[in-house]
Amino acid sequence: MTEKATPTAGLLLADDTIVEEVMVAGKPQLLSQRPHSDPEIAETLEAGGYFLTAQNDNLIRCGAVKLPGPPQPYGSEQRLTDEVRQFIHAYVQLTGPAERMATFYVLHSWTADQLSVTPYFRLLDDYGRGKTRALETIGSLCRLPMFAAGATTASPIFRMLERYRGGTFIMDEADHRDTDLWADITKILNQGYMKGWPVLRSEKVRGGYEPMAYDCFGPKLLATRARFDDDALESRCITYQMPSLNRQDVPLILPPTFEEEAQALRSKLLSYRLDKVRAVRAWVPAVYHTNGLDPRLSQIIAPLQRTITDEETRRELDTFAREYQQELVVNRGLGVEARVMQAIIGLHNAGQFLRMGTIAAEANREEGGEPLTAKVVGNTVRGSLHLPVHQVKGRYQVRWEQAQMDTLANYYGLGDDDEHEPEEEEENARWPMGEVNDGIR
């Protein structure tokens, strides 16, 4: 009896054999490369105790999932990086930083399956700004790109992610608010940035229902019209606003050569994977090292830094990370939390008590922005800033704790003003000892 082959699109086996699906003369085949050996291509293969065959389904035949051709030499890492960037630049208008980040993300996607965490690359703006073109161009260079803009239900998305594990999920208009699909998309995005956290669903099996786990981990390219309401999900995205379209050299319609160029680059990127992926699997990340970045930004940048070994390219990525950190701080400084923190710091420096109504009045002195009420300030203080609050004569006020205030001031990009302690209202109004400081979550 002939053993049944298991379809696969790509694996890195325990013995360090790399298995990857490639397109040869219009037919999906399997490439295998054992350590210190040349790649081999066949319809089926036995490796690491597995009997494998290539995936050959409707998703590949219709172009919803794209494969590389046989591996091709790419020269140096810097040369490959330049080629990827030039391809993106030829077909999409992005800002310089966004173009660089898109290039880094493409390289990251070819080894991301061996990491424990991956960021998402998200393009933001209303329709007509080229988001869809950007997704198509950048996505066509990523490893096992899965284009899911046409999916009308969550069911095919879950199965596609499971079938092409570690591939790059690409979704246009990924903010289907007030739809049934949005709840499932949120689950995919919340769970899919970290390995080992599958999404559980009930599936009908032989007349009953059984729990099924779907692995949603992998890099993701997203285009949305608005930021996500969930701050945790928002923090997993490296986000860029699409610029106004004014370049005259970007074609309105992709030429017939586009897919041929993209596949040629995917073949070079496959060679890059063969050279890099084993080392990425063996990487042990630092226990805690932020390089001066926010912990979450450091966490999502670290996988990209690990993928890139060329010193010049690494310096570019470091420069990008610092610039992006500055953008994050500026954006935070425009929010309600920053207004409240600025008011708290100003009142404290003036020796005033930090009551909710007083903070609201101080925040409202600045022109612009919606007026804040004492209730909004109270909710912000406790819910977003997690500042300790105590009651004096029936009125709530913030308790100043220097270390926590310094951390928040830095987080929101507020200046380090000279500070002094406020005068006490009376002896029995002193702040209680031993109160828990929740800090920032």
Protein backbone atom coordinates (compact mmCIF):
# COMPACT_ATOMS: atom_id res chain seq x y z
CA MET A 1 0.00 0.00 0.00
CA THR A 2 1.42 3.36 -1.06
CA GLU A 3 1.86 5.83 1.78
CA LYS A 4 -0.31 8.92 1.39
CA ALA A 5 1.73 12.11 0.93
CA THR A 6 1.04 15.16 3.11
CA PRO A 7 0.67 18.42 1.14
CA THR A 8 2.89 21.24 2.39
CA ALA A 9 3.94 24.71 1.27
CA GLY A 10 7.03 24.95 3.43
CA LEU A 11 8.78 23.45 6.47
CA LEU A 12 12.02 23.63 8.37
CA LEU A 13 12.44 20.10 9.71
CA ALA A 14 14.15 19.10 12.94
CA ASP A 15 17.23 17.90 11.03
CA ASP A 16 17.54 21.40 9.48
CA THR A 17 16.24 20.27 6.10
CA ILE A 18 14.43 23.16 4.40
CA VAL A 19 11.34 22.28 2.38
CA GLU A 20 9.76 24.98 0.24
CA GLU A 21 7.15 24.96 -2.49
CA VAL A 22 8.19 26.44 -5.83
CA MET A 23 6.60 26.90 -9.23
CA VAL A 24 8.40 25.09 -12.05
CA ALA A 25 7.06 25.38 -15.60
CA GLY A 26 3.64 26.34 -14.24
CA LYS A 27 3.46 23.37 -11.85
CA PRO A 28 3.93 23.41 -8.05
CA GLN A 29 6.93 21.33 -6.95
CA LEU A 30 8.81 20.81 -3.68
CA LEU A 31 12.32 22.07 -3.15
CA SER A 32 14.38 20.47 -0.40
CA GLN A 33 17.80 21.45 0.87
CA ARG A 34 19.70 19.55 3.50
CA PRO A 35 22.47 21.35 5.42
CA HIS A 36 25.63 21.84 3.33
CA SER A 37 23.91 20.41 0.25
CA ASP A 38 22.52 21.81 -2.99
CA PRO A 39 18.75 22.20 -3.36
CA GLU A 40 16.77 19.41 -5.03
CA ILE A 41 13.34 19.75 -6.68
CA ALA A 42 10.81 16.95 -7.07
CA GLU A 43 7.03 16.32 -7.05
CA THR A 44 7.26 14.42 -3.77
CA LEU A 45 9.98 13.82 -1.24
CA GLU A 46 10.79 11.93 1.93
CA ALA A 47 12.59 13.92 4.58
CA GLY A 48 12.77 13.83 8.35
CA GLY A 49 10.35 10.91 8.52
CA TYR A 50 7.74 12.75 6.41
CA PHE A 51 6.37 11.83 3.00
CA LEU A 52 5.51 15.20 1.43
CA THR A 53 3.99 16.63 -1.71
CA ALA A 54 3.36 20.18 -2.90
CA GLN A 55 0.13 22.03 -2.24
CA ASN A 56 -1.72 22.38 -5.53
CA ASP A 57 -5.11 23.87 -4.80
CA ASN A 58 -7.44 26.49 -6.17
CA LEU A 59 -5.74 29.22 -4.13
CA ILE A 60 -2.50 28.72 -6.04
CA ARG A 61 -4.16 28.24 -9.41
CA CYS A 62 -6.16 31.47 -9.01
CA GLY A 63 -3.21 33.50 -7.70
CA ALA A 64 -4.59 34.00 -4.19
CA VAL A 65 -1.32 32.42 -2.99
CA LYS A 66 1.86 33.10 -4.96
CA LEU A 67 4.97 30.91 -5.12
CA PRO A 68 8.58 31.64 -6.03
CA GLY A 69 10.36 29.97 -8.89
CA PRO A 70 13.52 27.91 -8.30
CA PRO A 71 16.09 29.81 -6.19
CA GLN A 72 18.24 32.37 -7.97
CA PRO A 73 21.44 34.10 -6.76
CA TYR A 74 20.94 37.54 -5.22
CA GLY A 75 24.51 38.76 -4.87
CA SER A 76 24.75 40.52 -1.52
CA GLU A 77 22.12 41.34 1.09
CA GLN A 78 22.51 45.05 0.31
CA ARG A 79 22.02 44.41 -3.40
CA LEU A 80 18.87 42.38 -2.72
CA THR A 81 17.58 45.10 -0.41
CA ASP A 82 18.13 47.70 -3.13
CA GLU A 83 16.31 45.56 -5.73
CA VAL A 84 13.31 45.08 -3.46
CA ARG A 85 13.16 48.81 -2.71
CA GLN A 86 13.47 49.73 -6.40
CA PHE A 87 10.61 47.37 -7.29
CA ILE A 88 8.35 48.89 -4.63
CA HIS A 89 9.33 52.43 -5.66
CA ALA A 90 8.52 51.71 -9.31
CA TYR A 91 4.88 50.81 -8.63
CA VAL A 92 3.88 52.57 -5.39
CA GLN A 93 4.16 56.05 -3.96
CA LEU A 94 5.18 55.88 -0.32
CA THR A 95 7.08 58.19 1.98
CA GLY A 96 10.80 57.46 2.26
CA PRO A 97 10.54 55.87 5.73
CA ALA A 98 7.53 53.77 4.68
CA GLU A 99 9.37 52.57 1.57
CA ARG A 100 12.35 51.51 3.68
CA MET A 101 10.12 49.78 6.20
CA ALA A 102 8.27 47.92 3.44
CA THR A 103 11.63 46.67 2.15
CA PHE A 104 12.70 45.47 5.58
CA TYR A 105 9.34 43.79 6.06
CA VAL A 106 9.62 41.84 2.83
CA LEU A 107 12.97 40.40 3.96
CA HIS A 108 11.54 39.68 7.41
CA SER A 109 8.64 37.69 5.93
CA TRP A 110 11.04 35.09 4.50
CA THR A 111 12.27 33.99 7.92
CA ALA A 112 9.39 35.10 10.18
CA ASP A 113 8.02 31.56 10.56
CA GLN A 114 11.03 30.68 12.75
CA LEU A 115 10.58 33.58 15.16
CA SER A 116 8.30 33.78 18.18
CA VAL A 117 6.82 37.19 17.38
CA THR A 118 6.18 39.24 14.26
CA PRO A 119 4.90 42.79 13.78
CA TYR A 120 2.21 43.78 11.28
CA PHE A 121 2.81 46.35 8.53
CA ARG A 122 -0.26 48.58 8.16
CA LEU A 123 -1.08 51.32 5.66
CA LEU A 124 -3.63 53.89 6.76
CA ASP A 125 -5.87 56.30 4.86
CA ASP A 126 -9.18 56.69 3.07
CA TYR A 127 -9.87 55.12 -0.33
CA GLY A 128 -8.16 56.45 -3.44
CA ARG A 129 -4.70 56.87 -1.87
CA GLY A 130 -3.09 53.75 -3.32
CA LYS A 131 -3.39 51.38 -0.37
CA THR A 132 -4.55 48.47 -2.50
CA ARG A 133 -1.71 48.97 -5.00
CA ALA A 134 0.77 49.10 -2.11
CA LEU A 135 -0.55 45.84 -0.67
CA GLU A 136 -0.37 44.13 -4.05
CA THR A 137 3.17 45.34 -4.74
CA ILE A 138 4.71 44.74 -1.32
CA GLY A 139 2.73 41.55 -0.77
CA SER A 140 3.80 40.02 -4.07
CA LEU A 141 7.39 39.92 -2.78
CA CYS A 142 6.64 38.35 0.60
CA ARG A 143 6.88 34.66 1.41
CA LEU A 144 3.70 32.72 0.57
CA PRO A 145 1.55 35.84 0.20
CA MET A 146 -2.15 35.12 0.83
CA PHE A 147 -4.40 37.79 -0.66
CA ALA A 148 -7.66 37.75 1.26
CA ALA A 149 -9.39 40.98 0.26
CA GLY A 150 -12.15 39.03 -1.46
CA ALA A 151 -12.93 36.75 1.50
CA THR A 152 -16.53 37.32 2.57
CA THR A 153 -16.51 35.00 5.58
CA ALA A 154 -13.98 34.07 8.25
CA SER A 155 -14.07 30.35 7.47
CA PRO A 156 -11.82 30.41 4.34
CA ILE A 157 -9.41 32.81 6.06
CA PHE A 158 -8.83 30.47 8.99
CA ARG A 159 -8.31 27.50 6.69
CA MET A 160 -5.98 29.40 4.38
CA LEU A 161 -3.81 30.50 7.32
CA GLU A 162 -3.70 26.93 8.61
CA ARG A 163 -2.82 25.48 5.21
CA TYR A 164 -0.06 27.99 4.42
CA ARG A 165 1.40 28.31 7.90
CA GLY A 166 3.97 31.04 8.33
CA GLY A 167 2.95 32.73 5.08
CA THR A 168 2.10 36.42 4.78
CA PHE A 169 -1.57 37.31 5.23
CA ILE A 170 -2.58 40.36 3.17
CA MET A 171 -5.90 42.07 3.70
CA ASP A 172 -7.36 45.24 2.21
CA GLU A 173 -9.99 47.22 4.12
CA ALA A 174 -9.10 45.22 7.25
CA ASP A 175 -11.43 47.20 9.52
CA HIS A 176 -14.83 45.67 8.84
CA ARG A 177 -16.45 47.36 11.81
CA ASP A 178 -20.01 46.43 12.75
CA THR A 179 -19.84 43.19 10.76
CA ASP A 180 -19.72 39.58 11.84
CA LEU A 181 -16.40 39.23 10.02
CA TRP A 182 -14.76 41.91 12.17
CA ALA A 183 -14.95 39.85 15.37
CA ASP A 184 -13.09 36.97 13.70
CA ILE A 185 -10.56 39.26 12.02
CA THR A 186 -9.84 40.79 15.43
CA LYS A 187 -9.17 37.32 16.84
CA ILE A 188 -6.78 36.54 13.98
CA LEU A 189 -4.88 39.80 14.44
CA ASN A 190 -4.77 39.66 18.23
CA GLN A 191 -3.50 36.07 18.31
CA GLY A 192 -1.47 35.97 15.11
CA TYR A 193 1.47 38.14 16.11
CA MET A 194 2.87 35.63 18.63
CA LYS A 195 3.64 31.96 18.07
CA GLY A 196 1.85 29.35 20.19
CA TRP A 197 -1.52 31.09 20.59
CA PRO A 198 -3.93 29.48 18.09
CA VAL A 199 -7.52 30.61 17.69
CA LEU A 200 -10.02 27.97 18.87
CA ARG A 201 -13.24 27.38 16.96
CA SER A 202 -16.00 24.79 17.05
CA GLU A 203 -16.21 22.77 13.85
CA LYS A 204 -18.84 20.29 12.81
CA VAL A 205 -17.39 16.76 12.75
CA ARG A 206 -19.49 13.65 12.02
CA GLY A 207 -22.75 15.28 13.10
CA GLY A 208 -21.30 16.87 16.25
CA TYR A 209 -19.02 19.76 17.14
CA GLU A 210 -15.38 19.50 18.10
CA PRO A 211 -12.89 22.20 19.19
CA MET A 212 -10.35 22.96 16.47
CA ALA A 213 -7.17 25.05 16.79
CA TYR A 214 -6.14 27.31 13.89
CA ASP A 215 -2.59 28.61 13.76
CA CYS A 216 -2.82 32.29 12.75
CA PHE A 217 0.82 33.20 13.40
CA GLY A 218 2.72 34.97 10.65
CA PRO A 219 3.51 38.36 9.11
CA LYS A 220 0.56 40.43 7.95
CA LEU A 221 0.09 43.36 5.58
CA LEU A 222 -3.02 45.41 6.30
CA ALA A 223 -4.76 48.45 4.87
CA THR A 224 -7.35 50.26 6.97
CA ARG A 225 -9.21 53.58 6.85
CA ALA A 226 -8.93 54.18 10.60
CA ARG A 227 -6.82 53.11 13.53
CA PHE A 228 -7.97 50.14 15.58
CA ASP A 229 -10.01 50.82 18.71
CA ASP A 230 -8.02 48.16 20.57
CA ASP A 231 -4.78 49.78 21.80
CA ALA A 232 -3.07 46.39 22.17
CA LEU A 233 -3.81 45.50 18.55
CA GLU A 234 -2.77 48.98 17.44
CA SER A 235 0.60 48.56 19.17
CA ARG A 236 1.34 45.43 17.11
CA CYS A 237 1.26 47.43 13.88
CA ILE A 238 4.00 49.44 12.24
CA THR A 239 1.75 52.06 10.68
CA TYR A 240 2.22 54.55 7.88
CA GLN A 241 -0.19 57.13 6.50
CA MET A 242 -0.46 57.01 2.72
CA PRO A 243 0.78 60.27 1.11
CA SER A 244 -1.11 62.38 -1.41
CA LEU A 245 -0.54 60.91 -4.86
CA ASN A 246 1.57 63.31 -6.94
CA ARG A 247 4.25 61.21 -8.62
CA GLN A 248 3.87 61.09 -12.38
CA ASP A 249 6.08 58.04 -12.92
CA VAL A 250 3.87 55.51 -11.10
CA PRO A 251 1.73 53.57 -13.63
CA LEU A 252 -2.03 53.75 -13.11
CA ILE A 253 -2.35 50.13 -14.24
CA LEU A 254 0.21 47.43 -13.52
CA PRO A 255 2.03 46.30 -16.68
CA PRO A 256 1.97 42.68 -17.91
CA THR A 257 5.59 42.31 -16.74
CA PHE A 258 4.70 43.01 -13.10
CA GLU A 259 4.09 39.40 -12.06
CA GLU A 260 7.15 38.17 -13.96
CA GLU A 261 9.33 40.74 -12.15
CA ALA A 262 7.76 39.85 -8.81
CA GLN A 263 8.35 36.13 -9.26
CA ALA A 264 11.97 36.73 -10.27
CA LEU A 265 12.50 38.65 -7.04
CA ARG A 266 10.69 35.95 -5.03
CA SER A 267 13.18 33.44 -6.44
CA LYS A 268 16.07 35.57 -5.16
CA LEU A 269 14.32 35.98 -1.83
CA LEU A 270 13.96 32.20 -1.65
CA SER A 271 17.75 31.96 -1.91
CA TYR A 272 17.92 34.51 0.89
CA ARG A 273 15.68 32.24 2.99
CA LEU A 274 17.87 29.23 2.30
CA ASP A 275 20.88 31.21 3.52
CA LYS A 276 19.29 32.77 6.61
CA VAL A 277 16.45 30.72 8.05
CA ARG A 278 18.49 28.14 9.98
CA ALA A 279 20.40 30.87 11.82
CA VAL A 280 17.15 32.67 12.63
CA ARG A 281 15.69 29.51 14.20
CA ALA A 282 18.79 29.16 16.37
CA TRP A 283 18.59 32.78 17.57
CA VAL A 284 18.03 33.30 21.31
CA PRO A 285 16.58 36.80 21.89
CA ALA A 286 17.80 39.03 24.70
CA VAL A 287 15.84 38.73 27.91
CA TYR A 288 15.14 42.47 28.09
CA HIS A 289 16.85 44.96 25.82
CA THR A 290 15.01 47.96 24.33
CA ASN A 291 17.84 50.10 22.90
CA GLY A 292 15.99 53.15 24.21
CA LEU A 293 12.78 52.20 22.35
CA ASP A 294 9.39 51.53 23.85
CA PRO A 295 9.28 47.88 25.00
CA ARG A 296 6.56 46.96 22.47
CA LEU A 297 8.35 48.71 19.60
CA SER A 298 11.59 47.00 20.59
CA GLN A 299 9.74 43.66 20.66
CA ILE A 300 8.37 44.05 17.14
CA ILE A 301 11.56 45.54 15.69
CA ALA A 302 13.82 42.80 17.11
CA PRO A 303 12.69 40.14 14.57
CA LEU A 304 13.54 42.49 11.69
CA GLN A 305 16.92 43.27 13.19
CA ARG A 306 17.64 39.57 13.52
CA THR A 307 16.82 38.87 9.86
CA ILE A 308 19.25 41.51 8.56
CA THR A 309 23.00 40.92 8.93
CA ASP A 310 24.41 43.47 6.47
CA GLU A 311 25.85 46.32 8.60
CA GLU A 312 24.72 49.15 6.32
CA THR A 313 21.18 47.76 6.14
CA ARG A 314 21.11 47.28 9.92
CA ARG A 315 22.11 50.92 10.40
CA GLU A 316 19.21 51.94 8.15
CA LEU A 317 16.83 49.87 10.25
CA ASP A 318 18.19 51.38 13.48
CA THR A 319 17.68 54.86 12.04
CA PHE A 320 14.14 53.93 11.06
CA ALA A 321 13.39 52.61 14.55
CA ARG A 322 14.53 55.85 16.19
CA GLU A 323 12.51 57.95 13.73
CA TYR A 324 9.44 55.79 14.25
CA GLN A 325 9.85 56.09 18.03
CA GLN A 326 9.78 59.86 17.66
CA GLU A 327 6.60 59.64 15.56
CA LEU A 328 4.96 57.50 18.23
CA VAL A 329 5.82 60.02 20.94
CA VAL A 330 4.50 62.92 18.84
CA ASN A 331 1.24 61.09 18.14
CA ARG A 332 0.78 60.26 21.82
CA GLY A 333 1.32 63.91 22.64
CA LEU A 334 -1.83 64.79 20.69
CA GLY A 335 -4.14 62.55 22.76
CA VAL A 336 -6.31 63.16 25.81
CA GLU A 337 -3.87 61.31 28.06
CA ALA A 338 -1.08 63.74 27.14
CA ARG A 339 -3.33 66.74 27.79
CA VAL A 340 -4.20 65.38 31.21
CA MET A 341 -0.58 64.60 32.03
CA GLN A 342 0.53 68.06 30.92
CA ALA A 343 -2.10 69.62 33.16
CA ILE A 344 -1.05 67.45 36.12
CA ILE A 345 2.61 68.38 35.69
CA GLY A 346 1.76 72.09 35.37
CA LEU A 347 -0.40 72.08 38.50
CA HIS A 348 2.19 70.14 40.46
CA ASN A 349 4.95 72.54 39.47
CA ALA A 350 2.73 75.45 40.53
CA GLY A 351 2.15 73.86 43.94
CA GLN A 352 -1.54 73.16 43.31
CA PHE A 353 -3.59 70.19 44.41
CA LEU A 354 -4.31 67.62 41.72
CA ARG A 355 -8.11 67.43 41.92
CA MET A 356 -10.08 66.17 38.93
CA GLY A 357 -11.94 69.43 38.36
CA THR A 358 -8.74 71.45 38.71
CA ILE A 359 -6.94 69.19 36.23
CA ALA A 360 -9.83 69.56 33.76
CA ALA A 361 -9.76 73.36 34.06
CA GLU A 362 -6.01 73.41 33.55
CA ALA A 363 -6.24 71.12 30.49
CA ASN A 364 -8.99 73.28 28.98
CA ARG A 365 -6.82 76.41 29.15
CA GLU A 366 -5.01 75.23 26.04
CA GLU A 367 -6.79 76.10 22.81
CA GLY A 368 -7.89 73.26 20.56
CA GLY A 369 -9.35 69.89 21.38
CA GLU A 370 -12.66 68.98 22.98
CA PRO A 371 -13.28 70.46 26.44
CA LEU A 372 -12.55 67.93 29.17
CA THR A 373 -14.88 67.37 32.12
CA ALA A 374 -13.85 66.23 35.59
CA LYS A 375 -15.46 62.87 34.80
CA VAL A 376 -13.39 62.43 31.63
CA VAL A 377 -10.25 63.37 33.55
CA GLY A 378 -11.10 60.86 36.29
CA ASN A 379 -11.65 58.09 33.78
CA THR A 380 -8.36 58.94 32.04
CA VAL A 381 -6.40 59.12 35.28
CA ARG A 382 -7.61 55.75 36.48
CA GLY A 383 -8.29 53.91 33.22
CA SER A 384 -5.48 54.98 30.86
CA LEU A 385 -2.76 56.49 33.03
CA HIS A 386 -3.26 54.14 36.00
CA LEU A 387 -2.36 56.90 38.44
CA PRO A 388 -3.03 56.37 42.17
CA VAL A 389 -5.93 58.46 43.49
CA HIS A 390 -6.94 59.21 47.05
CA GLN A 391 -9.74 61.14 48.71
CA VAL A 392 -9.31 64.30 50.76
CA LYS A 393 -12.42 65.88 52.35
CA GLY A 394 -14.65 64.01 49.94
CA ARG A 395 -12.75 65.15 46.83
CA TYR A 396 -10.53 62.90 44.71
CA GLN A 397 -7.04 63.94 43.78
CA VAL A 398 -4.05 62.35 42.11
CA ARG A 399 -1.15 61.25 44.27
CA TRP A 400 2.17 62.35 42.84
CA GLU A 401 4.79 59.63 42.62
CA GLN A 402 7.96 60.92 41.01
CA ALA A 403 9.19 57.73 39.31
CA GLN A 404 5.83 57.01 37.73
CA MET A 405 5.37 60.62 36.61
CA ASP A 406 8.84 60.65 35.04
CA THR A 407 8.00 57.48 33.11
CA LEU A 408 4.68 58.89 31.84
CA ALA A 409 6.20 62.26 30.95
CA ASN A 410 8.81 60.49 28.84
CA TYR A 411 6.18 58.22 27.28
CA TYR A 412 4.07 61.18 26.14
CA GLY A 413 7.01 63.37 25.16
CA LEU A 414 6.41 66.02 27.81
CA GLY A 415 9.22 68.33 28.89
CA ASP A 416 11.19 67.88 32.10
CA ASP A 417 10.18 70.98 34.01
CA ASP A 418 11.54 71.85 37.43
CA GLU A 419 9.28 70.29 39.97
CA HIS A 420 8.54 70.92 43.63
CA GLU A 421 6.13 69.45 46.10
CA PRO A 422 2.69 71.11 46.59
CA GLU A 423 1.82 72.59 49.91
CA GLU A 424 -0.28 70.36 52.14
CA GLU A 425 -3.84 71.49 52.82
CA GLU A 426 -3.70 70.28 56.41
CA GLU A 427 -1.88 67.70 58.49
CA ASN A 428 -4.55 64.99 58.18
CA ALA A 429 -4.67 65.42 54.38
CA ARG A 430 -1.31 63.73 53.90
CA TRP A 431 -1.32 60.89 51.42
CA PRO A 432 -1.74 57.46 52.98
CA MET A 433 1.25 55.17 53.14
CA GLY A 434 1.41 51.77 51.46
CA GLU A 435 -1.01 52.57 48.63
CA VAL A 436 -0.44 50.39 45.56
CA ASN A 437 1.03 52.05 42.49
CA ASP A 438 -0.36 50.19 39.47
CA GLY A 439 2.10 51.69 36.96
CA ILE A 440 1.56 51.50 33.22
CA ARG A 441 0.08 48.43 31.58
